[in-house]
N, C-alpha and C. Protein backbone atom coordinates (compact mmCIF):
# COMPACT_ATOMS: atom_id res chain seq x y z
N UNK A 1 6.69 11.87 52.31
CA UNK A 1 5.97 12.84 51.45
C UNK A 1 6.07 12.43 49.88
N UNK A 2 5.11 12.47 49.25
CA UNK A 2 5.14 11.92 47.65
C UNK A 2 5.91 12.97 46.94
N UNK A 3 6.22 12.37 45.80
CA UNK A 3 7.10 13.06 44.83
C UNK A 3 6.19 14.02 43.95
N UNK A 4 6.35 15.15 43.82
CA UNK A 4 5.53 16.06 43.10
C UNK A 4 5.89 15.85 41.49
N UNK A 5 4.97 15.40 40.66
CA UNK A 5 5.10 15.18 39.36
C UNK A 5 4.40 16.36 38.42
N UNK A 6 4.89 17.16 37.80
CA UNK A 6 4.03 18.21 37.14
C UNK A 6 3.19 17.49 36.02
N UNK A 7 3.72 16.35 35.57
CA UNK A 7 2.99 15.88 34.46
C UNK A 7 1.70 14.82 34.96
N UNK A 8 1.55 14.65 36.24
CA UNK A 8 0.33 13.92 36.68
C UNK A 8 -1.07 14.66 36.28
N UNK A 9 -1.09 16.01 36.07
CA UNK A 9 -2.30 16.55 35.65
C UNK A 9 -2.63 16.36 34.13
N UNK A 10 -1.40 16.03 33.27
CA UNK A 10 -1.52 15.66 31.96
C UNK A 10 -2.18 14.09 31.86
N UNK A 11 -1.92 13.36 32.75
CA UNK A 11 -2.43 11.93 32.86
C UNK A 11 -3.92 11.86 32.85
N UNK A 12 -4.60 12.82 33.51
CA UNK A 12 -5.86 12.71 33.53
C UNK A 12 -6.64 13.20 32.14
N UNK A 13 -5.77 14.12 31.53
CA UNK A 13 -6.36 14.67 30.24
C UNK A 13 -6.37 13.50 28.99
N UNK A 14 -5.58 12.70 29.24
CA UNK A 14 -5.30 11.73 28.07
C UNK A 14 -6.13 10.61 28.34
N UNK A 15 -6.73 9.71 27.34
CA UNK A 15 -7.36 8.66 27.55
C UNK A 15 -6.57 7.60 28.18
N UNK A 16 -7.41 6.24 28.41
CA UNK A 16 -6.85 5.27 29.17
C UNK A 16 -5.70 4.68 28.33
N UNK A 17 -4.70 4.10 28.85
CA UNK A 17 -3.66 3.60 28.41
C UNK A 17 -3.90 2.38 27.90
N UNK A 18 -3.22 1.73 26.81
CA UNK A 18 -3.61 0.34 26.41
C UNK A 18 -2.85 -0.66 27.34
N UNK A 19 -3.25 -1.85 27.48
CA UNK A 19 -2.83 -2.89 28.31
C UNK A 19 -1.54 -3.21 27.87
N UNK A 20 -1.30 -3.40 26.66
CA UNK A 20 0.03 -3.85 26.11
C UNK A 20 0.27 -2.81 24.99
N UNK A 21 1.58 -2.27 24.98
CA UNK A 21 1.88 -1.31 23.85
C UNK A 21 2.07 -2.21 22.53
N UNK A 22 1.41 -1.67 21.42
CA UNK A 22 1.53 -2.16 20.08
C UNK A 22 2.82 -1.68 19.54
N UNK A 23 3.42 -2.49 18.79
CA UNK A 23 4.76 -2.03 18.04
C UNK A 23 4.44 -1.13 16.99
N UNK A 24 4.90 -0.13 16.78
CA UNK A 24 4.77 0.81 15.60
C UNK A 24 4.96 0.11 14.16
N UNK A 25 4.03 0.31 13.17
CA UNK A 25 4.27 -0.44 12.06
C UNK A 25 5.39 0.16 11.31
N UNK A 26 6.28 -0.68 10.82
CA UNK A 26 7.53 -0.44 10.14
C UNK A 26 7.08 -0.08 8.84
N UNK A 27 7.63 0.91 8.00
CA UNK A 27 7.26 1.43 6.88
C UNK A 27 7.69 0.25 5.79
N UNK A 28 6.72 -0.27 4.81
CA UNK A 28 7.16 -1.07 3.92
C UNK A 28 8.03 -0.46 2.82
N UNK A 29 8.97 -1.24 2.21
CA UNK A 29 9.65 -0.90 1.09
C UNK A 29 8.66 -0.80 -0.11
N UNK A 30 9.01 0.32 -0.97
CA UNK A 30 8.22 0.24 -2.17
C UNK A 30 8.41 -1.18 -3.04
N UNK A 31 7.35 -1.76 -3.46
CA UNK A 31 7.34 -3.03 -4.32
C UNK A 31 8.15 -2.70 -5.62
N UNK A 32 8.81 -3.55 -6.02
CA UNK A 32 9.66 -3.57 -7.23
C UNK A 32 8.64 -3.55 -8.46
N UNK A 33 8.66 -2.91 -9.45
CA UNK A 33 7.76 -3.00 -10.57
C UNK A 33 7.84 -4.43 -11.02
N UNK A 34 6.46 -4.99 -11.24
CA UNK A 34 6.30 -6.37 -11.66
C UNK A 34 6.37 -6.44 -13.25
N UNK A 35 6.06 -5.29 -13.85
CA UNK A 35 6.13 -5.43 -15.24
C UNK A 35 7.68 -5.02 -15.70
N UNK A 36 8.09 -5.78 -16.69
CA UNK A 36 9.49 -5.49 -16.96
C UNK A 36 9.44 -4.17 -17.93
N UNK A 37 10.52 -3.63 -18.24
CA UNK A 37 10.49 -2.47 -19.20
C UNK A 37 9.94 -2.73 -20.59
N UNK A 38 9.44 -1.74 -21.13
CA UNK A 38 9.05 -2.12 -22.68
C UNK A 38 10.15 -2.76 -23.48
N UNK A 39 9.54 -3.80 -24.17
CA UNK A 39 10.43 -4.54 -24.89
C UNK A 39 10.39 -4.17 -26.30
N UNK A 40 10.34 -2.85 -26.83
CA UNK A 40 10.37 -2.50 -28.10
C UNK A 40 11.77 -2.36 -28.60
N UNK A 41 12.74 -2.71 -28.02
CA UNK A 41 13.99 -2.43 -28.49
C UNK A 41 14.53 -3.75 -29.17
N UNK A 42 14.90 -3.34 -30.48
CA UNK A 42 15.28 -4.39 -31.45
C UNK A 42 16.97 -4.68 -31.35
N UNK A 43 17.58 -3.42 -31.00
CA UNK A 43 19.10 -3.77 -30.98
C UNK A 43 19.75 -2.67 -29.88
N UNK A 44 20.88 -2.85 -29.52
CA UNK A 44 21.62 -1.92 -28.77
C UNK A 44 23.16 -2.09 -29.08
N UNK A 45 24.03 -1.04 -28.94
CA UNK A 45 25.14 -1.05 -29.21
C UNK A 45 25.95 -0.65 -27.86
N UNK A 46 26.72 -1.33 -27.35
CA UNK A 46 27.61 -1.15 -25.97
C UNK A 46 28.98 -0.70 -26.51
N UNK A 47 29.37 0.06 -26.01
CA UNK A 47 30.90 0.40 -26.14
C UNK A 47 31.56 1.30 -25.00
N UNK A 48 32.79 1.19 -24.84
CA UNK A 48 33.53 1.86 -23.89
C UNK A 48 34.15 3.03 -24.47
N UNK A 49 34.09 4.14 -23.71
CA UNK A 49 34.67 5.54 -24.22
C UNK A 49 35.61 6.09 -23.22
N UNK A 50 36.64 6.71 -23.63
CA UNK A 50 37.59 7.36 -22.58
C UNK A 50 38.08 8.74 -23.13
N UNK A 51 38.08 9.07 -24.50
CA UNK A 51 38.52 10.20 -25.04
C UNK A 51 37.52 11.27 -24.59
N UNK A 52 38.08 12.46 -24.42
CA UNK A 52 37.44 13.57 -24.22
C UNK A 52 36.63 13.69 -22.63
N UNK A 53 37.16 12.82 -21.80
CA UNK A 53 36.53 12.67 -20.44
C UNK A 53 37.51 12.63 -19.44
N UNK A 54 38.71 13.38 -19.81
CA UNK A 54 39.60 13.42 -18.69
C UNK A 54 40.21 12.13 -18.28
N UNK A 55 40.21 11.09 -19.11
CA UNK A 55 40.72 9.82 -18.89
C UNK A 55 39.84 8.85 -18.07
N UNK A 56 38.68 9.37 -17.68
CA UNK A 56 37.49 8.59 -17.26
C UNK A 56 36.97 7.62 -17.96
N UNK A 57 36.66 6.39 -17.62
CA UNK A 57 36.07 5.51 -18.55
C UNK A 57 34.55 5.57 -18.35
N UNK A 58 33.89 5.45 -19.43
CA UNK A 58 32.29 5.38 -19.52
C UNK A 58 32.07 4.26 -20.34
N UNK A 59 30.74 3.84 -20.22
CA UNK A 59 30.17 2.89 -21.10
C UNK A 59 29.09 3.58 -21.83
N UNK A 60 28.82 3.51 -23.08
CA UNK A 60 27.87 4.12 -23.75
C UNK A 60 26.93 3.19 -24.59
N UNK A 61 25.67 3.36 -24.25
CA UNK A 61 24.64 2.44 -24.85
C UNK A 61 23.89 3.10 -25.91
N UNK A 62 24.04 2.77 -27.22
CA UNK A 62 23.38 3.57 -28.31
C UNK A 62 22.43 2.68 -29.14
N UNK A 63 21.70 3.29 -29.88
CA UNK A 63 20.64 2.85 -30.97
C UNK A 63 19.64 1.99 -30.26
N UNK A 64 19.26 2.47 -28.96
CA UNK A 64 18.07 1.77 -28.47
C UNK A 64 16.70 2.46 -28.94
N UNK A 65 16.66 3.50 -29.55
CA UNK A 65 15.39 4.17 -30.18
C UNK A 65 14.28 4.20 -29.24
N UNK A 66 14.80 4.59 -28.07
CA UNK A 66 13.63 4.95 -27.04
C UNK A 66 13.28 6.37 -26.99
N UNK A 67 12.02 6.65 -26.80
CA UNK A 67 11.61 8.24 -26.64
C UNK A 67 12.18 8.66 -25.34
N UNK A 68 12.38 10.04 -25.25
CA UNK A 68 13.08 10.69 -24.11
C UNK A 68 12.48 10.15 -22.69
N UNK A 69 11.22 9.93 -22.55
CA UNK A 69 10.76 9.45 -21.12
C UNK A 69 11.23 8.25 -20.92
N UNK A 70 11.20 7.38 -21.70
CA UNK A 70 11.70 5.99 -21.57
C UNK A 70 13.15 5.76 -21.33
N UNK A 71 13.91 6.76 -22.03
CA UNK A 71 15.26 6.81 -21.77
C UNK A 71 15.49 6.97 -20.40
N UNK A 72 14.90 7.93 -19.76
CA UNK A 72 14.98 8.09 -18.17
C UNK A 72 14.74 7.05 -17.25
N UNK A 73 13.76 6.22 -17.89
CA UNK A 73 13.29 5.14 -16.91
C UNK A 73 14.29 3.99 -17.06
N UNK A 74 14.80 3.89 -18.30
CA UNK A 74 15.84 2.81 -18.47
C UNK A 74 17.20 3.07 -17.82
N UNK A 75 17.48 4.44 -17.66
CA UNK A 75 18.71 4.86 -17.09
C UNK A 75 18.65 4.62 -15.61
N UNK A 76 17.48 4.92 -15.13
CA UNK A 76 17.28 4.86 -13.59
C UNK A 76 17.36 3.36 -13.18
N UNK A 77 16.84 2.55 -14.08
CA UNK A 77 16.92 1.20 -13.64
C UNK A 77 18.40 0.66 -13.85
N UNK A 78 18.97 1.06 -14.95
CA UNK A 78 20.37 0.54 -15.04
C UNK A 78 21.32 0.91 -14.07
N UNK A 79 21.24 2.25 -13.59
CA UNK A 79 22.10 2.75 -12.53
C UNK A 79 21.79 2.01 -11.32
N UNK A 80 20.47 1.58 -11.00
CA UNK A 80 20.17 0.66 -9.68
C UNK A 80 20.61 -0.70 -9.82
N UNK A 81 20.47 -1.05 -11.10
CA UNK A 81 20.88 -2.61 -11.19
C UNK A 81 22.41 -2.82 -11.22
N UNK A 82 23.31 -1.74 -11.94
CA UNK A 82 24.69 -1.94 -12.01
C UNK A 82 25.42 -1.20 -10.82
N UNK A 83 24.76 -0.40 -10.04
CA UNK A 83 25.39 0.35 -9.08
C UNK A 83 26.33 1.39 -9.50
N UNK A 84 26.00 2.18 -10.51
CA UNK A 84 26.96 3.15 -10.92
C UNK A 84 26.07 4.46 -11.31
N UNK A 85 26.72 5.44 -11.55
CA UNK A 85 26.18 6.87 -11.97
C UNK A 85 25.92 6.79 -13.56
N UNK A 86 25.18 7.74 -13.97
CA UNK A 86 24.88 7.93 -15.43
C UNK A 86 24.23 8.89 -15.87
N UNK A 87 24.14 9.27 -17.15
CA UNK A 87 23.34 10.41 -17.68
C UNK A 87 22.81 10.00 -19.00
N UNK A 88 21.84 10.82 -19.49
CA UNK A 88 21.30 10.59 -20.88
C UNK A 88 22.10 11.72 -21.63
N UNK A 89 22.68 11.29 -22.85
CA UNK A 89 23.51 12.23 -23.74
C UNK A 89 22.87 12.07 -25.13
N UNK A 90 21.94 12.97 -25.48
CA UNK A 90 21.30 12.83 -26.74
C UNK A 90 20.27 11.61 -26.65
N UNK A 91 20.64 10.52 -27.56
CA UNK A 91 19.86 9.52 -27.61
C UNK A 91 20.73 8.30 -26.97
N UNK A 92 21.85 8.50 -26.44
CA UNK A 92 22.53 7.44 -25.75
C UNK A 92 22.44 7.46 -24.33
N UNK A 93 22.61 6.36 -23.69
CA UNK A 93 22.78 6.18 -22.33
C UNK A 93 24.29 6.15 -21.92
N UNK A 94 24.89 7.15 -20.95
CA UNK A 94 26.08 6.96 -20.59
C UNK A 94 26.38 6.60 -19.12
N UNK A 95 27.10 5.60 -18.94
CA UNK A 95 27.16 4.93 -17.40
C UNK A 95 28.66 5.08 -17.19
N UNK A 96 28.88 5.32 -15.70
CA UNK A 96 30.19 5.48 -15.27
C UNK A 96 30.86 4.05 -15.43
N UNK A 97 32.20 3.98 -15.58
CA UNK A 97 32.89 2.78 -15.43
C UNK A 97 32.85 1.93 -16.62
N UNK A 98 33.47 0.76 -16.66
CA UNK A 98 33.36 -0.17 -17.83
C UNK A 98 32.45 -1.28 -17.42
N UNK A 99 31.18 -1.26 -17.81
CA UNK A 99 30.18 -2.12 -17.69
C UNK A 99 29.77 -3.14 -18.79
N UNK A 100 30.82 -3.38 -19.66
CA UNK A 100 30.59 -4.13 -20.88
C UNK A 100 30.22 -5.44 -20.56
N UNK A 101 30.77 -5.93 -19.55
CA UNK A 101 30.52 -7.47 -19.09
C UNK A 101 29.28 -7.68 -18.68
N UNK A 102 28.72 -6.87 -17.66
CA UNK A 102 27.44 -6.96 -17.10
C UNK A 102 26.19 -6.55 -17.86
N UNK A 103 26.43 -5.54 -18.66
CA UNK A 103 25.18 -4.80 -19.31
C UNK A 103 24.60 -5.61 -20.46
N UNK A 104 25.23 -6.49 -21.31
CA UNK A 104 24.60 -7.38 -22.18
C UNK A 104 23.31 -8.12 -21.64
N UNK A 105 23.83 -8.73 -20.42
CA UNK A 105 22.92 -9.69 -19.79
C UNK A 105 21.67 -9.12 -19.40
N UNK A 106 21.83 -7.79 -18.79
CA UNK A 106 20.73 -7.07 -18.31
C UNK A 106 19.87 -6.38 -19.54
N UNK A 107 20.46 -6.08 -20.48
CA UNK A 107 19.80 -5.72 -21.64
C UNK A 107 18.96 -6.74 -22.19
N UNK A 108 19.53 -8.01 -22.35
CA UNK A 108 18.78 -9.14 -22.88
C UNK A 108 17.71 -9.36 -22.13
N UNK A 109 17.76 -9.51 -20.70
CA UNK A 109 16.64 -9.67 -19.98
C UNK A 109 15.65 -8.81 -20.12
N UNK A 110 15.93 -7.65 -20.48
CA UNK A 110 14.86 -6.45 -20.66
C UNK A 110 14.16 -6.46 -22.00
N UNK A 111 14.68 -7.38 -22.83
CA UNK A 111 14.03 -7.59 -24.10
C UNK A 111 14.70 -6.98 -25.31
N UNK A 112 15.91 -6.75 -25.10
CA UNK A 112 16.66 -6.31 -26.28
C UNK A 112 16.98 -7.43 -27.16
N UNK A 113 16.78 -7.43 -28.34
CA UNK A 113 16.95 -8.59 -29.22
C UNK A 113 18.34 -9.07 -29.49
N UNK A 114 19.09 -7.97 -29.88
CA UNK A 114 20.54 -8.05 -30.35
C UNK A 114 21.37 -6.90 -29.55
N UNK A 115 22.39 -7.47 -28.83
CA UNK A 115 23.21 -6.62 -28.20
C UNK A 115 24.71 -6.71 -28.87
N UNK A 116 25.12 -5.62 -29.30
CA UNK A 116 26.59 -5.63 -29.93
C UNK A 116 27.61 -4.91 -28.92
N UNK A 117 28.51 -5.51 -28.46
CA UNK A 117 29.53 -4.92 -27.80
C UNK A 117 30.71 -4.77 -28.57
N UNK A 118 31.22 -3.43 -28.60
CA UNK A 118 32.46 -3.14 -29.12
C UNK A 118 33.49 -2.56 -28.15
């Protein structure tokens, strides 16, 4: 006596099955932006700050002279490159932790002409 399969009826309703299953396409990661960030920045001042933050160390990047929309773009790129959190505070970019060693190289690579670390 054959086994009763309730899904046999559905087999007739769908189309023919392919000879070999095709692997599902894996989602491609979004390509990195090929254009560097705008190079209109002449200078940047990088300093570490601890006071008024409950003892937490932050790195402040000032004097970039970027419009608000570009500040957000730069902050997002900085946070991704340095692996830290951060925020825009007025005209300054505030990053968590002491990033004074790695930040000048990143800023120089993005077109900042003079980086002052204090």
